[in-house]
Amino acid sequence: SKWQYVNKYDVFIGLTSTKTGVWVYKHPPDLPHREFSNINPQDLINNASPGSTVTLPPGTYGQGLFINKSLVVRLKGVNLWGVAKGKAIINVDCNHCQVIIEDFTANGPSSGCIQGNCAGIKAEGVKFNLLLRRSHINNTVMGILTDNRGGTLKIVDSLIENTGLNDQSRTLGHGVYAGMIDELVLTNTIIRNVNGDGHILKSRAPRTVLMTASLLGGTGFQSRTIDLPCGGELIIDNSILQQGQNASNVDMIALGTEPR
């Protein structure tokens, strides 16, 4: 069977090989009707000049975002209910670019980001530079994930929580997983309640810096609070680390556990 959703009137039309039926569906009180914006946010990104600023109008959009150039993207009051390229609610993929994302709000179940290693943000490319400000990522499998070709990831004034989703994901639900980039910096940022036996913070970067950050196990089912499998320089200043009571590892911080 195929289903067509007529958004304006909340009507589902079922099409089968033998007949066509119409079902009128009324939302229960805890699931109010949600009107999606008729603006295509990807068009705003695609049409923007490199180095410019894109401000999405407040509203709910039924898709994720793909960013492949240097941009400042402002998302205050914006809900993205979709996944870009099957990887993340926001997928940044560019070489030697400077991307700033502000006021991003991510919710895994609403966006369908609850399978595989779907992330709130995935950053890819050679020597990318990504700055995330004033953002909240909640209930995705991965909070933020990068690839391994250098670059920097800086997270400022943000909250990442409830990653992993346990049995809903088939991979470890790390809060932040920086691959082999050059530097990871967290400033005034909280990562908490990581599930799926993932690490609260995992970094393969040669330099990882926590400034006024809080990594909190809470009631989550995480592994370590900090895991730096390739070793490197770790700077922790004025920050709080809390290994949750459900942690599967007794060590809070691990360095150089993968000699290769």
C-alpha atoms as a PDB file:
ATOM      1  CA  SER A   1       0.000   0.000   0.000  1.00  0.00           C
ATOM      2  CA  LYS A   2       1.037   3.591  -0.552  1.00  0.00           C
ATOM      3  CA  TRP A   3       0.012   6.463   1.679  1.00  0.00           C
ATOM      4  CA  GLN A   4      -0.379  10.080   0.795  1.00  0.00           C
ATOM      5  CA  TYR A   5      -0.650  12.685   3.567  1.00  0.00           C
ATOM      6  CA  VAL A   6      -2.716  15.767   2.790  1.00  0.00           C
ATOM      7  CA  ASN A   7      -1.177  18.113   5.341  1.00  0.00           C
ATOM      8  CA  LYS A   8      -3.670  20.944   5.395  1.00  0.00           C
ATOM      9  CA  TYR A   9      -6.668  18.799   6.359  1.00  0.00           C
ATOM     10  CA  ASP A  10      -4.925  15.918   8.182  1.00  0.00           C
ATOM     11  CA  VAL A  11      -6.276  13.410   5.674  1.00  0.00           C
ATOM     12  CA  PHE A  12      -4.451  10.173   4.833  1.00  0.00           C
ATOM     13  CA  ILE A  13      -5.286   8.633   1.449  1.00  0.00           C
ATOM     14  CA  GLY A  14      -4.445   4.936   1.107  1.00  0.00           C
ATOM     15  CA  LEU A  15      -3.787   3.620  -2.399  1.00  0.00           C
ATOM     16  CA  THR A  16      -3.762  -0.137  -2.997  1.00  0.00           C
ATOM     17  CA  SER A  17      -3.726  -2.250  -6.113  1.00  0.00           C
ATOM     18  CA  THR A  18      -7.456  -2.940  -5.834  1.00  0.00           C
ATOM     19  CA  LYS A  19      -9.112   0.150  -4.424  1.00  0.00           C
ATOM     20  CA  THR A  20      -8.664   3.615  -2.994  1.00  0.00           C
ATOM     21  CA  GLY A  21      -9.765   4.426   0.543  1.00  0.00           C
ATOM     22  CA  VAL A  22      -9.864   7.628   2.564  1.00  0.00           C
ATOM     23  CA  TRP A  23      -9.170   7.792   6.291  1.00  0.00           C
ATOM     24  CA  VAL A  24      -9.682  11.006   8.252  1.00  0.00           C
ATOM     25  CA  TYR A  25      -7.321  11.133  11.227  1.00  0.00           C
ATOM     26  CA  LYS A  26      -7.715  13.401  14.228  1.00  0.00           C
ATOM     27  CA  HIS A  27      -4.615  14.144  16.304  1.00  0.00           C
ATOM     28  CA  PRO A  28      -4.892  13.248  20.002  1.00  0.00           C
ATOM     29  CA  PRO A  29      -4.512  16.174  22.425  1.00  0.00           C
ATOM     30  CA  ASP A  30      -0.805  15.513  23.064  1.00  0.00           C
ATOM     31  CA  LEU A  31       0.020  15.499  19.343  1.00  0.00           C
ATOM     32  CA  PRO A  32      -1.309  18.789  17.963  1.00  0.00           C
ATOM     33  CA  HIS A  33      -1.390  19.454  14.265  1.00  0.00           C
ATOM     34  CA  ARG A  34       1.954  20.780  13.006  1.00  0.00           C
ATOM     35  CA  GLU A  35       1.986  23.029   9.979  1.00  0.00           C
ATOM     36  CA  PHE A  36       5.220  22.798   7.991  1.00  0.00           C
ATOM     37  CA  SER A  37       6.718  25.867   6.392  1.00  0.00           C
ATOM     38  CA  ASN A  38       6.297  26.158   2.628  1.00  0.00           C
ATOM     39  CA  ILE A  39       9.843  27.531   2.394  1.00  0.00           C
ATOM     40  CA  ASN A  40      12.545  25.131   1.223  1.00  0.00           C
ATOM     41  CA  PRO A  41      15.461  25.848   3.593  1.00  0.00           C
ATOM     42  CA  GLN A  42      17.898  23.945   1.387  1.00  0.00           C
ATOM     43  CA  ASP A  43      17.231  26.427  -1.410  1.00  0.00           C
ATOM     44  CA  LEU A  44      18.297  29.252   0.916  1.00  0.00           C
ATOM     45  CA  ILE A  45      21.546  27.400   1.645  1.00  0.00           C
ATOM     46  CA  ASN A  46      22.187  26.491  -1.989  1.00  0.00           C
ATOM     47  CA  ASN A  47      21.577  30.027  -3.253  1.00  0.00           C
ATOM     48  CA  ALA A  48      23.726  31.750  -0.620  1.00  0.00           C
ATOM     49  CA  SER A  49      27.143  33.077  -1.617  1.00  0.00           C
ATOM     50  CA  PRO A  50      30.128  31.518   0.199  1.00  0.00           C
ATOM     51  CA  GLY A  51      30.971  33.499   3.322  1.00  0.00           C
ATOM     52  CA  SER A  52      27.500  35.013   3.648  1.00  0.00           C
ATOM     53  CA  THR A  53      24.896  34.703   6.431  1.00  0.00           C
ATOM     54  CA  VAL A  54      21.688  32.699   6.058  1.00  0.00           C
ATOM     55  CA  THR A  55      18.896  33.306   8.582  1.00  0.00           C
ATOM     56  CA  LEU A  56      16.081  30.790   8.314  1.00  0.00           C
ATOM     57  CA  PRO A  57      12.643  32.155   9.222  1.00  0.00           C
ATOM     58  CA  PRO A  58      11.244  30.591  12.423  1.00  0.00           C
ATOM     59  CA  GLY A  59       9.073  27.566  11.755  1.00  0.00           C
ATOM     60  CA  THR A  60       9.049  23.807  11.287  1.00  0.00           C
ATOM     61  CA  TYR A  61      10.670  22.336   8.203  1.00  0.00           C
ATOM     62  CA  GLY A  62      10.216  18.726   7.146  1.00  0.00           C
ATOM     63  CA  GLN A  63      13.852  18.138   6.195  1.00  0.00           C
ATOM     64  CA  GLY A  64      17.452  18.378   7.332  1.00  0.00           C
ATOM     65  CA  LEU A  65      20.156  20.704   6.015  1.00  0.00           C
ATOM     66  CA  PHE A  66      23.224  20.028   3.869  1.00  0.00           C
ATOM     67  CA  ILE A  67      25.944  22.697   4.056  1.00  0.00           C
ATOM     68  CA  ASN A  68      28.809  22.493   1.554  1.00  0.00           C
ATOM     69  CA  LYS A  69      30.347  25.975   1.703  1.00  0.00           C
ATOM     70  CA  SER A  70      31.530  28.617   4.168  1.00  0.00           C
ATOM     71  CA  LEU A  71      28.415  30.138   5.780  1.00  0.00           C
ATOM     72  CA  VAL A  72      26.946  31.546   8.963  1.00  0.00           C
ATOM     73  CA  VAL A  73      23.621  29.746   9.477  1.00  0.00           C
ATOM     74  CA  ARG A  74      21.200  31.173  12.045  1.00  0.00           C
ATOM     75  CA  LEU A  75      18.400  28.888  13.204  1.00  0.00           C
ATOM     76  CA  LYS A  76      16.623  30.620  16.070  1.00  0.00           C
ATOM     77  CA  GLY A  77      13.050  29.345  16.328  1.00  0.00           C
ATOM     78  CA  VAL A  78      13.675  26.726  13.627  1.00  0.00           C
ATOM     79  CA  ASN A  79      12.747  23.028  13.900  1.00  0.00           C
ATOM     80  CA  LEU A  80      14.290  20.676  11.338  1.00  0.00           C
ATOM     81  CA  TRP A  81      12.245  17.482  11.115  1.00  0.00           C
ATOM     82  CA  GLY A  82      14.391  15.478   8.751  1.00  0.00           C
ATOM     83  CA  VAL A  83      17.821  13.999   8.058  1.00  0.00           C
ATOM     84  CA  ALA A  84      20.272  15.241   5.415  1.00  0.00           C
ATOM     85  CA  LYS A  85      22.050  12.691   3.213  1.00  0.00           C
ATOM     86  CA  GLY A  86      21.012   9.935   5.630  1.00  0.00           C
ATOM     87  CA  LYS A  87      23.743  11.089   8.041  1.00  0.00           C
ATOM     88  CA  ALA A  88      22.594  13.899  10.327  1.00  0.00           C
ATOM     89  CA  ILE A  89      19.967  16.544  10.869  1.00  0.00           C
ATOM     90  CA  ILE A  90      22.666  18.968   9.696  1.00  0.00           C
ATOM     91  CA  ASN A  91      25.416  17.552   7.489  1.00  0.00           C
ATOM     92  CA  VAL A  92      28.400  19.884   6.945  1.00  0.00           C
ATOM     93  CA  ASP A  93      30.594  18.586   4.113  1.00  0.00           C
ATOM     94  CA  CYS A  94      33.186  20.956   2.681  1.00  0.00           C
ATOM     95  CA  ASN A  95      36.964  21.391   2.367  1.00  0.00           C
ATOM     96  CA  HIS A  96      38.837  24.278   4.041  1.00  0.00           C
ATOM     97  CA  CYS A  97      35.511  25.941   4.867  1.00  0.00           C
ATOM     98  CA  GLN A  98      34.416  28.130   7.782  1.00  0.00           C
ATOM     99  CA  VAL A  99      30.915  27.228   8.994  1.00  0.00           C
ATOM    100  CA  ILE A 100      29.150  28.809  11.963  1.00  0.00           C
ATOM    101  CA  ILE A 101      25.824  27.360  13.155  1.00  0.00           C
ATOM    102  CA  GLU A 102      23.839  29.305  15.738  1.00  0.00           C
ATOM    103  CA  ASP A 103      20.740  28.485  17.831  1.00  0.00           C
ATOM    104  CA  PHE A 104      20.296  24.981  16.432  1.00  0.00           C
ATOM    105  CA  THR A 105      17.657  22.796  18.112  1.00  0.00           C
ATOM    106  CA  ALA A 106      17.658  19.079  17.308  1.00  0.00           C
ATOM    107  CA  ASN A 107      15.266  16.360  18.448  1.00  0.00           C
ATOM    108  CA  GLY A 108      16.004  12.830  17.280  1.00  0.00           C
ATOM    109  CA  PRO A 109      12.508  11.285  17.277  1.00  0.00           C
ATOM    110  CA  SER A 110      10.896  14.261  15.534  1.00  0.00           C
ATOM    111  CA  SER A 111      13.581  14.247  12.845  1.00  0.00           C
ATOM    112  CA  GLY A 112      13.777  10.475  12.431  1.00  0.00           C
ATOM    113  CA  CYS A 113      17.402  10.543  13.622  1.00  0.00           C
ATOM    114  CA  ILE A 114      17.171   7.388  15.751  1.00  0.00           C
ATOM    115  CA  GLN A 115      18.847   4.735  13.607  1.00  0.00           C
ATOM    116  CA  GLY A 116      22.379   3.737  12.675  1.00  0.00           C
ATOM    117  CA  ASN A 117      24.820   6.440  13.732  1.00  0.00           C
ATOM    118  CA  CYS A 118      22.586   9.381  12.835  1.00  0.00           C
ATOM    119  CA  ALA A 119      23.910  12.576  14.437  1.00  0.00           C
ATOM    120  CA  GLY A 120      22.529  15.951  15.308  1.00  0.00           C
ATOM    121  CA  ILE A 121      25.457  17.333  13.301  1.00  0.00           C
ATOM    122  CA  LYS A 122      27.971  15.451  11.176  1.00  0.00           C
ATOM    123  CA  ALA A 123      31.025  17.376   9.948  1.00  0.00           C
ATOM    124  CA  GLU A 124      33.072  16.084   7.022  1.00  0.00           C
ATOM    125  CA  GLY A 125      35.761  17.376   4.713  1.00  0.00           C
ATOM    126  CA  VAL A 126      39.452  18.256   4.544  1.00  0.00           C
ATOM    127  CA  LYS A 127      40.428  20.837   7.167  1.00  0.00           C
ATOM    128  CA  PHE A 128      36.873  22.075   7.790  1.00  0.00           C
ATOM    129  CA  ASN A 129      36.309  24.589  10.598  1.00  0.00           C
ATOM    130  CA  LEU A 130      32.968  24.331  12.378  1.00  0.00           C
ATOM    131  CA  LEU A 131      31.749  26.527  15.227  1.00  0.00           C
ATOM    132  CA  LEU A 132      28.476  25.668  16.984  1.00  0.00           C
ATOM    133  CA  ARG A 133      26.893  28.268  19.277  1.00  0.00           C
ATOM    134  CA  ARG A 134      23.877  28.291  21.618  1.00  0.00           C
ATOM    135  CA  SER A 135      22.505  24.952  20.477  1.00  0.00           C
ATOM    136  CA  HIS A 136      20.638  21.998  21.958  1.00  0.00           C
ATOM    137  CA  ILE A 137      20.908  18.462  20.578  1.00  0.00           C
ATOM    138  CA  ASN A 138      18.612  15.924  22.222  1.00  0.00           C
ATOM    139  CA  ASN A 139      17.808  12.230  21.680  1.00  0.00           C
ATOM    140  CA  THR A 140      19.860  11.613  18.543  1.00  0.00           C
ATOM    141  CA  VAL A 141      22.025   8.495  18.241  1.00  0.00           C
ATOM    142  CA  MET A 142      25.215  10.580  18.055  1.00  0.00           C
ATOM    143  CA  GLY A 143      25.295  14.141  19.279  1.00  0.00           C
ATOM    144  CA  ILE A 144      28.066  15.470  17.013  1.00  0.00           C
ATOM    145  CA  LEU A 145      30.231  13.305  14.759  1.00  0.00           C
ATOM    146  CA  THR A 146      33.179  14.169  12.495  1.00  0.00           C
ATOM    147  CA  ASP A 147      35.318  12.342   9.975  1.00  0.00           C
ATOM    148  CA  ASN A 148      39.124  12.018   9.981  1.00  0.00           C
ATOM    149  CA  ARG A 149      40.660  14.563   7.587  1.00  0.00           C
ATOM    150  CA  GLY A 150      41.744  17.394   9.857  1.00  0.00           C
ATOM    151  CA  GLY A 151      40.024  20.618  10.818  1.00  0.00           C
ATOM    152  CA  THR A 152      38.556  22.089  13.992  1.00  0.00           C
ATOM    153  CA  LEU A 153      35.330  21.664  15.912  1.00  0.00           C
ATOM    154  CA  LYS A 154      34.374  24.260  18.525  1.00  0.00           C
ATOM    155  CA  ILE A 155      31.203  23.968  20.616  1.00  0.00           C
ATOM    156  CA  VAL A 156      30.186  27.002  22.681  1.00  0.00           C
ATOM    157  CA  ASP A 157      27.266  27.645  25.078  1.00  0.00           C
ATOM    158  CA  SER A 158      25.514  24.436  24.069  1.00  0.00           C
ATOM    159  CA  LEU A 159      23.784  21.370  25.517  1.00  0.00           C
ATOM    160  CA  ILE A 160      23.988  17.821  24.143  1.00  0.00           C
ATOM    161  CA  GLU A 161      21.976  15.180  25.984  1.00  0.00           C
ATOM    162  CA  ASN A 162      20.234  11.806  25.911  1.00  0.00           C
ATOM    163  CA  THR A 163      22.223  10.443  22.976  1.00  0.00           C
ATOM    164  CA  GLY A 164      22.348   6.751  22.188  1.00  0.00           C
ATOM    165  CA  LEU A 165      18.722   5.724  22.642  1.00  0.00           C
ATOM    166  CA  ASN A 166      19.909   2.293  23.783  1.00  0.00           C
ATOM    167  CA  ASP A 167      18.049  -0.433  21.877  1.00  0.00           C
ATOM    168  CA  GLN A 168      16.851   1.943  19.161  1.00  0.00           C
ATOM    169  CA  SER A 169      20.381   2.349  17.801  1.00  0.00           C
ATOM    170  CA  ARG A 170      22.807  -0.265  16.565  1.00  0.00           C
ATOM    171  CA  THR A 171      25.965   1.734  17.246  1.00  0.00           C
ATOM    172  CA  LEU A 172      27.552   3.379  20.258  1.00  0.00           C
ATOM    173  CA  GLY A 173      25.767   6.609  21.142  1.00  0.00           C
ATOM    174  CA  HIS A 174      28.645   8.983  21.844  1.00  0.00           C
ATOM    175  CA  GLY A 175      27.778  12.494  22.987  1.00  0.00           C
ATOM    176  CA  VAL A 176      30.560  14.040  20.875  1.00  0.00           C
ATOM    177  CA  TYR A 177      32.869  11.950  18.696  1.00  0.00           C
ATOM    178  CA  ALA A 178      35.657  13.916  17.019  1.00  0.00           C
ATOM    179  CA  GLY A 179      37.648  11.842  14.572  1.00  0.00           C
ATOM    180  CA  MET A 180      41.199  12.631  13.460  1.00  0.00           C
ATOM    181  CA  ILE A 181      40.700  16.370  13.214  1.00  0.00           C
ATOM    182  CA  ASP A 182      43.254  18.914  14.482  1.00  0.00           C
ATOM    183  CA  GLU A 183      41.448  20.313  17.512  1.00  0.00           C
ATOM    184  CA  LEU A 184      38.271  19.911  19.545  1.00  0.00           C
ATOM    185  CA  VAL A 185      37.262  22.717  21.933  1.00  0.00           C
ATOM    186  CA  LEU A 186      34.273  22.790  24.299  1.00  0.00           C
ATOM    187  CA  THR A 187      33.498  26.077  26.030  1.00  0.00           C
ATOM    188  CA  ASN A 188      30.658  26.566  28.524  1.00  0.00           C
ATOM    189  CA  THR A 189      29.031  23.415  27.177  1.00  0.00           C
ATOM    190  CA  ILE A 190      27.221  20.481  28.812  1.00  0.00           C
ATOM    191  CA  ILE A 191      27.131  16.894  27.546  1.00  0.00           C
ATOM    192  CA  ARG A 192      25.013  14.593  29.692  1.00  0.00           C
ATOM    193  CA  ASN A 193      23.091  11.349  29.950  1.00  0.00           C
ATOM    194  CA  VAL A 194      24.790   9.413  27.164  1.00  0.00           C
ATOM    195  CA  ASN A 195      23.334   5.961  26.434  1.00  0.00           C
ATOM    196  CA  GLY A 196      24.053   3.052  24.123  1.00  0.00           C
ATOM    197  CA  ASP A 197      27.319   2.344  25.975  1.00  0.00           C
ATOM    198  CA  GLY A 198      28.990   5.244  24.196  1.00  0.00           C
ATOM    199  CA  HIS A 199      31.488   7.710  25.629  1.00  0.00           C
ATOM    200  CA  ILE A 200      30.344  11.133  26.780  1.00  0.00           C
ATOM    201  CA  LEU A 201      33.283  12.618  24.866  1.00  0.00           C
ATOM    202  CA  LYS A 202      35.473  10.703  22.426  1.00  0.00           C
ATOM    203  CA  SER A 203      38.233  12.479  20.548  1.00  0.00           C
ATOM    204  CA  ARG A 204      41.002  11.382  18.205  1.00  0.00           C
ATOM    205  CA  ALA A 205      42.186  14.969  17.798  1.00  0.00           C
ATOM    206  CA  PRO A 206      45.799  15.708  18.801  1.00  0.00           C
ATOM    207  CA  ARG A 207      44.443  18.503  21.019  1.00  0.00           C
ATOM    208  CA  THR A 208      41.215  18.423  23.062  1.00  0.00           C
ATOM    209  CA  VAL A 209      40.277  21.362  25.299  1.00  0.00           C
ATOM    210  CA  LEU A 210      37.483  21.678  27.887  1.00  0.00           C
ATOM    211  CA  MET A 211      36.895  25.190  29.244  1.00  0.00           C
ATOM    212  CA  THR A 212      34.084  25.559  31.803  1.00  0.00           C
ATOM    213  CA  ALA A 213      32.493  22.389  30.476  1.00  0.00           C
ATOM    214  CA  SER A 214      30.387  19.714  32.203  1.00  0.00           C
ATOM    215  CA  LEU A 215      30.491  16.058  31.180  1.00  0.00           C
ATOM    216  CA  LEU A 216      27.826  14.326  33.261  1.00  0.00           C
ATOM    217  CA  GLY A 217      26.975  10.637  33.281  1.00  0.00           C
ATOM    218  CA  GLY A 218      23.786  11.070  35.281  1.00  0.00           C
ATOM    219  CA  THR A 219      21.390   8.161  34.820  1.00  0.00           C
ATOM    220  CA  GLY A 220      22.732   7.292  31.381  1.00  0.00           C
ATOM    221  CA  PHE A 221      24.265   3.979  30.318  1.00  0.00           C
ATOM    222  CA  GLN A 222      27.579   5.234  29.021  1.00  0.00           C
ATOM    223  CA  SER A 223      31.114   3.891  28.925  1.00  0.00           C
ATOM    224  CA  ARG A 224      33.808   6.463  29.807  1.00  0.00           C
ATOM    225  CA  THR A 225      33.464  10.144  30.490  1.00  0.00           C
ATOM    226  CA  ILE A 226      36.444  10.979  28.233  1.00  0.00           C
ATOM    227  CA  ASP A 227      38.081   8.612  25.762  1.00  0.00           C
ATOM    228  CA  LEU A 228      41.147   9.691  23.779  1.00  0.00           C
ATOM    229  CA  PRO A 229      42.066   6.419  22.052  1.00  0.00           C
ATOM    230  CA  CYS A 230      44.926   7.966  20.065  1.00  0.00           C
ATOM    231  CA  GLY A 231      46.365   9.885  23.016  1.00  0.00           C
ATOM    232  CA  GLY A 232      47.201  13.533  22.417  1.00  0.00           C
ATOM    233  CA  GLU A 233      46.994  16.658  24.545  1.00  0.00           C
ATOM    234  CA  LEU A 234      44.045  16.982  26.926  1.00  0.00           C
ATOM    235  CA  ILE A 235      43.411  20.299  28.708  1.00  0.00           C
ATOM    236  CA  ILE A 236      40.630  20.500  31.301  1.00  0.00           C
ATOM    237  CA  ASP A 237      40.072  23.870  32.971  1.00  0.00           C
ATOM    238  CA  ASN A 238      37.337  24.848  35.431  1.00  0.00           C
ATOM    239  CA  SER A 239      35.185  21.920  34.363  1.00  0.00           C
ATOM    240  CA  ILE A 240      33.096  19.128  35.937  1.00  0.00           C
ATOM    241  CA  LEU A 241      33.412  15.426  35.116  1.00  0.00           C
ATOM    242  CA  GLN A 242      30.922  12.947  36.557  1.00  0.00           C
ATOM    243  CA  GLN A 243      31.014   9.226  35.857  1.00  0.00           C
ATOM    244  CA  GLY A 244      27.460   7.869  36.026  1.00  0.00           C
ATOM    245  CA  GLN A 245      26.507   4.988  38.288  1.00  0.00           C
ATOM    246  CA  ASN A 246      25.518   2.912  35.241  1.00  0.00           C
ATOM    247  CA  ALA A 247      28.847   3.330  33.461  1.00  0.00           C
ATOM    248  CA  SER A 248      30.206   0.103  31.966  1.00  0.00           C
ATOM    249  CA  ASN A 249      33.859   1.130  32.567  1.00  0.00           C
ATOM    250  CA  VAL A 250      35.428   1.870  35.943  1.00  0.00           C
ATOM    251  CA  ASP A 251      37.910   4.321  34.391  1.00  0.00           C
ATOM    252  CA  MET A 252      36.632   7.845  33.878  1.00  0.00           C
ATOM    253  CA  ILE A 253      39.354   8.940  31.437  1.00  0.00           C
ATOM    254  CA  ALA A 254      41.253   6.716  28.999  1.00  0.00           C
ATOM    255  CA  LEU A 255      44.265   7.821  26.946  1.00  0.00           C
ATOM    256  CA  GLY A 256      46.027   5.951  24.153  1.00  0.00           C
ATOM    257  CA  THR A 257      44.020   2.749  24.367  1.00  0.00           C
ATOM    258  CA  GLU A 258      44.410   2.061  20.623  1.00  0.00           C
ATOM    259  CA  PRO A 259      48.181   1.978  19.964  1.00  0.00           C
ATOM    260  CA  ARG A 260      47.812   1.962  16.193  1.00  0.00           C
END
